[in-house]
Amino acid sequence: MASDLSFVQYICDQLRDSGEIRYKKMFGEYMVYVDNVPVVLVCDNTPYIKKLDSIKDLMDNSLTGFPYDGAKEHYILDIDDKEGLQVIIAKAVKERKTTTKSASRKKLF
């Protein structure tokens, strides 16, 4: 079952105070970007976020799931907890930006 665009737009609305928000349709599902960083994967109308060290303490009691066959386990976001969501997203974006910069600085040979 593909995600509803209206649900993805609701997620984007909940995240609007977290930075520049956009989404991209991918294989019938959606990726939500915050400040050009892919952060929230929406599959079957469920918002997933990668299990990152920076958010582990905040997400420890959250539900988890697999967004698609073959995927690693992700946290499932409570998209209605706007204040908590902003803290989680800020930490996730910061960690993703840091790991992306580190990976791009490594030599390939």
C-alpha atoms as a PDB file:
ATOM      1  CA  MET A   1       0.000   0.000   0.000  1.00  0.00           C
ATOM      2  CA  ALA A   2       1.473   3.344  -1.007  1.00  0.00           C
ATOM      3  CA  SER A   3       1.438   6.327   1.316  1.00  0.00           C
ATOM      4  CA  ASP A   4      -1.130   9.087   0.908  1.00  0.00           C
ATOM      5  CA  LEU A   5       0.220  12.420  -0.267  1.00  0.00           C
ATOM      6  CA  SER A   6      -2.010  14.193   2.268  1.00  0.00           C
ATOM      7  CA  PHE A   7      -0.283  12.279   5.100  1.00  0.00           C
ATOM      8  CA  VAL A   8       3.158  13.215   3.752  1.00  0.00           C
ATOM      9  CA  GLN A   9       2.067  16.866   3.585  1.00  0.00           C
ATOM     10  CA  TYR A  10       0.868  16.611   7.207  1.00  0.00           C
ATOM     11  CA  ILE A  11       4.302  15.319   8.222  1.00  0.00           C
ATOM     12  CA  CYS A  12       5.940  18.214   6.368  1.00  0.00           C
ATOM     13  CA  ASP A  13       3.613  20.641   8.137  1.00  0.00           C
ATOM     14  CA  GLN A  14       4.578  19.154  11.521  1.00  0.00           C
ATOM     15  CA  LEU A  15       8.267  19.595  10.605  1.00  0.00           C
ATOM     16  CA  ARG A  16       8.012  23.122   9.183  1.00  0.00           C
ATOM     17  CA  ASP A  17       9.808  24.692  12.187  1.00  0.00           C
ATOM     18  CA  SER A  18      12.748  22.281  11.810  1.00  0.00           C
ATOM     19  CA  GLY A  19      14.232  23.847   8.681  1.00  0.00           C
ATOM     20  CA  GLU A  20      13.681  23.754   4.941  1.00  0.00           C
ATOM     21  CA  ILE A  21      11.289  20.883   4.278  1.00  0.00           C
ATOM     22  CA  ARG A  22      10.696  19.058   1.016  1.00  0.00           C
ATOM     23  CA  TYR A  23       9.648  15.574   0.006  1.00  0.00           C
ATOM     24  CA  LYS A  24      10.334  13.312  -2.924  1.00  0.00           C
ATOM     25  CA  LYS A  25       8.257  10.426  -4.183  1.00  0.00           C
ATOM     26  CA  MET A  26      10.296   7.261  -4.479  1.00  0.00           C
ATOM     27  CA  PHE A  27       8.894   3.914  -5.651  1.00  0.00           C
ATOM     28  CA  GLY A  28       5.379   4.809  -4.507  1.00  0.00           C
ATOM     29  CA  GLU A  29       6.584   5.976  -1.099  1.00  0.00           C
ATOM     30  CA  TYR A  30       8.189   9.203   0.100  1.00  0.00           C
ATOM     31  CA  MET A  31      11.408  10.576   1.572  1.00  0.00           C
ATOM     32  CA  VAL A  32      11.148  13.792   3.592  1.00  0.00           C
ATOM     33  CA  TYR A  33      14.205  16.032   3.594  1.00  0.00           C
ATOM     34  CA  VAL A  34      15.087  18.608   6.231  1.00  0.00           C
ATOM     35  CA  ASP A  35      17.689  21.140   5.071  1.00  0.00           C
ATOM     36  CA  ASN A  36      18.448  18.811   2.128  1.00  0.00           C
ATOM     37  CA  VAL A  37      19.158  15.877   4.449  1.00  0.00           C
ATOM     38  CA  PRO A  38      17.016  12.749   3.990  1.00  0.00           C
ATOM     39  CA  VAL A  39      15.510  12.158   7.415  1.00  0.00           C
ATOM     40  CA  VAL A  40      12.007  10.679   7.403  1.00  0.00           C
ATOM     41  CA  LEU A  41      11.002   7.749   5.240  1.00  0.00           C
ATOM     42  CA  VAL A  42       7.251   7.388   4.810  1.00  0.00           C
ATOM     43  CA  CYS A  43       6.078   3.895   3.859  1.00  0.00           C
ATOM     44  CA  ASP A  44       2.503   2.645   4.137  1.00  0.00           C
ATOM     45  CA  ASN A  45       1.555   5.889   5.914  1.00  0.00           C
ATOM     46  CA  THR A  46       4.106   5.227   8.653  1.00  0.00           C
ATOM     47  CA  PRO A  47       6.930   7.723   9.352  1.00  0.00           C
ATOM     48  CA  TYR A  48      10.272   5.996   9.916  1.00  0.00           C
ATOM     49  CA  ILE A  49      13.593   7.419  11.010  1.00  0.00           C
ATOM     50  CA  LYS A  50      16.914   5.627  10.864  1.00  0.00           C
ATOM     51  CA  LYS A  51      18.280   4.283  14.147  1.00  0.00           C
ATOM     52  CA  LEU A  52      20.946   6.879  14.879  1.00  0.00           C
ATOM     53  CA  ASP A  53      23.143   7.132  17.974  1.00  0.00           C
ATOM     54  CA  SER A  54      22.141  10.764  18.544  1.00  0.00           C
ATOM     55  CA  ILE A  55      18.450   9.945  18.981  1.00  0.00           C
ATOM     56  CA  LYS A  56      18.693   6.590  20.725  1.00  0.00           C
ATOM     57  CA  ASP A  57      17.945   8.028  24.178  1.00  0.00           C
ATOM     58  CA  LEU A  58      14.910   9.921  22.828  1.00  0.00           C
ATOM     59  CA  MET A  59      13.545   6.977  20.863  1.00  0.00           C
ATOM     60  CA  ASP A  60      14.393   4.136  23.235  1.00  0.00           C
ATOM     61  CA  ASN A  61      10.744   3.406  24.098  1.00  0.00           C
ATOM     62  CA  SER A  62       9.408   3.968  20.583  1.00  0.00           C
ATOM     63  CA  LEU A  63       7.946   1.406  18.288  1.00  0.00           C
ATOM     64  CA  THR A  64      10.219   0.061  15.587  1.00  0.00           C
ATOM     65  CA  GLY A  65       9.595  -1.512  12.230  1.00  0.00           C
ATOM     66  CA  PHE A  66      10.909  -2.262   8.789  1.00  0.00           C
ATOM     67  CA  PRO A  67       9.821   0.267   6.151  1.00  0.00           C
ATOM     68  CA  TYR A  68      10.209  -2.235   3.289  1.00  0.00           C
ATOM     69  CA  ASP A  69      11.464  -5.758   2.656  1.00  0.00           C
ATOM     70  CA  GLY A  70      15.214  -5.948   3.157  1.00  0.00           C
ATOM     71  CA  ALA A  71      15.424  -2.687   5.123  1.00  0.00           C
ATOM     72  CA  LYS A  72      17.162  -2.335   8.455  1.00  0.00           C
ATOM     73  CA  GLU A  73      14.999  -1.760  11.491  1.00  0.00           C
ATOM     74  CA  HIS A  74      13.958   1.896  11.944  1.00  0.00           C
ATOM     75  CA  TYR A  75      12.258   3.860  14.692  1.00  0.00           C
ATOM     76  CA  ILE A  76       8.652   4.842  14.069  1.00  0.00           C
ATOM     77  CA  LEU A  77       8.068   8.533  14.749  1.00  0.00           C
ATOM     78  CA  ASP A  78       5.178   9.949  16.754  1.00  0.00           C
ATOM     79  CA  ILE A  79       4.411  12.624  14.213  1.00  0.00           C
ATOM     80  CA  ASP A  80       1.765  14.223  16.462  1.00  0.00           C
ATOM     81  CA  ASP A  81       4.329  15.091  19.198  1.00  0.00           C
ATOM     82  CA  LYS A  82       5.488  18.265  17.477  1.00  0.00           C
ATOM     83  CA  GLU A  83       7.824  19.474  20.240  1.00  0.00           C
ATOM     84  CA  GLY A  84       9.521  16.108  20.709  1.00  0.00           C
ATOM     85  CA  LEU A  85       9.688  15.683  16.968  1.00  0.00           C
ATOM     86  CA  GLN A  86      11.643  18.921  16.538  1.00  0.00           C
ATOM     87  CA  VAL A  87      14.292  17.780  19.030  1.00  0.00           C
ATOM     88  CA  ILE A  88      14.609  14.371  17.379  1.00  0.00           C
ATOM     89  CA  ILE A  89      14.811  15.823  13.880  1.00  0.00           C
ATOM     90  CA  ALA A  90      17.405  18.439  14.884  1.00  0.00           C
ATOM     91  CA  LYS A  91      19.664  15.752  16.349  1.00  0.00           C
ATOM     92  CA  ALA A  92      19.166  13.438  13.398  1.00  0.00           C
ATOM     93  CA  VAL A  93      19.924  16.162  10.849  1.00  0.00           C
ATOM     94  CA  LYS A  94      23.056  17.154  12.732  1.00  0.00           C
ATOM     95  CA  GLU A  95      24.326  13.564  12.889  1.00  0.00           C
ATOM     96  CA  ARG A  96      23.488  12.857   9.242  1.00  0.00           C
ATOM     97  CA  LYS A  97      25.302  16.025   8.120  1.00  0.00           C
ATOM     98  CA  THR A  98      28.351  15.081  10.213  1.00  0.00           C
ATOM     99  CA  THR A  99      28.520  11.509   8.917  1.00  0.00           C
ATOM    100  CA  THR A 100      28.010  12.649   5.323  1.00  0.00           C
ATOM    101  CA  LYS A 101      30.867  15.155   5.586  1.00  0.00           C
ATOM    102  CA  SER A 102      33.137  12.568   7.187  1.00  0.00           C
ATOM    103  CA  ALA A 103      32.386  10.018   4.489  1.00  0.00           C
ATOM    104  CA  SER A 104      33.038  12.497   1.688  1.00  0.00           C
ATOM    105  CA  ARG A 105      36.434  13.428   3.176  1.00  0.00           C
ATOM    106  CA  LYS A 106      37.717   9.845   3.242  1.00  0.00           C
ATOM    107  CA  LYS A 107      40.066   8.907   0.464  1.00  0.00           C
ATOM    108  CA  LEU A 108      38.799   6.274  -1.896  1.00  0.00           C
ATOM    109  CA  PHE A 109      42.230   4.638  -2.311  1.00  0.00           C
END
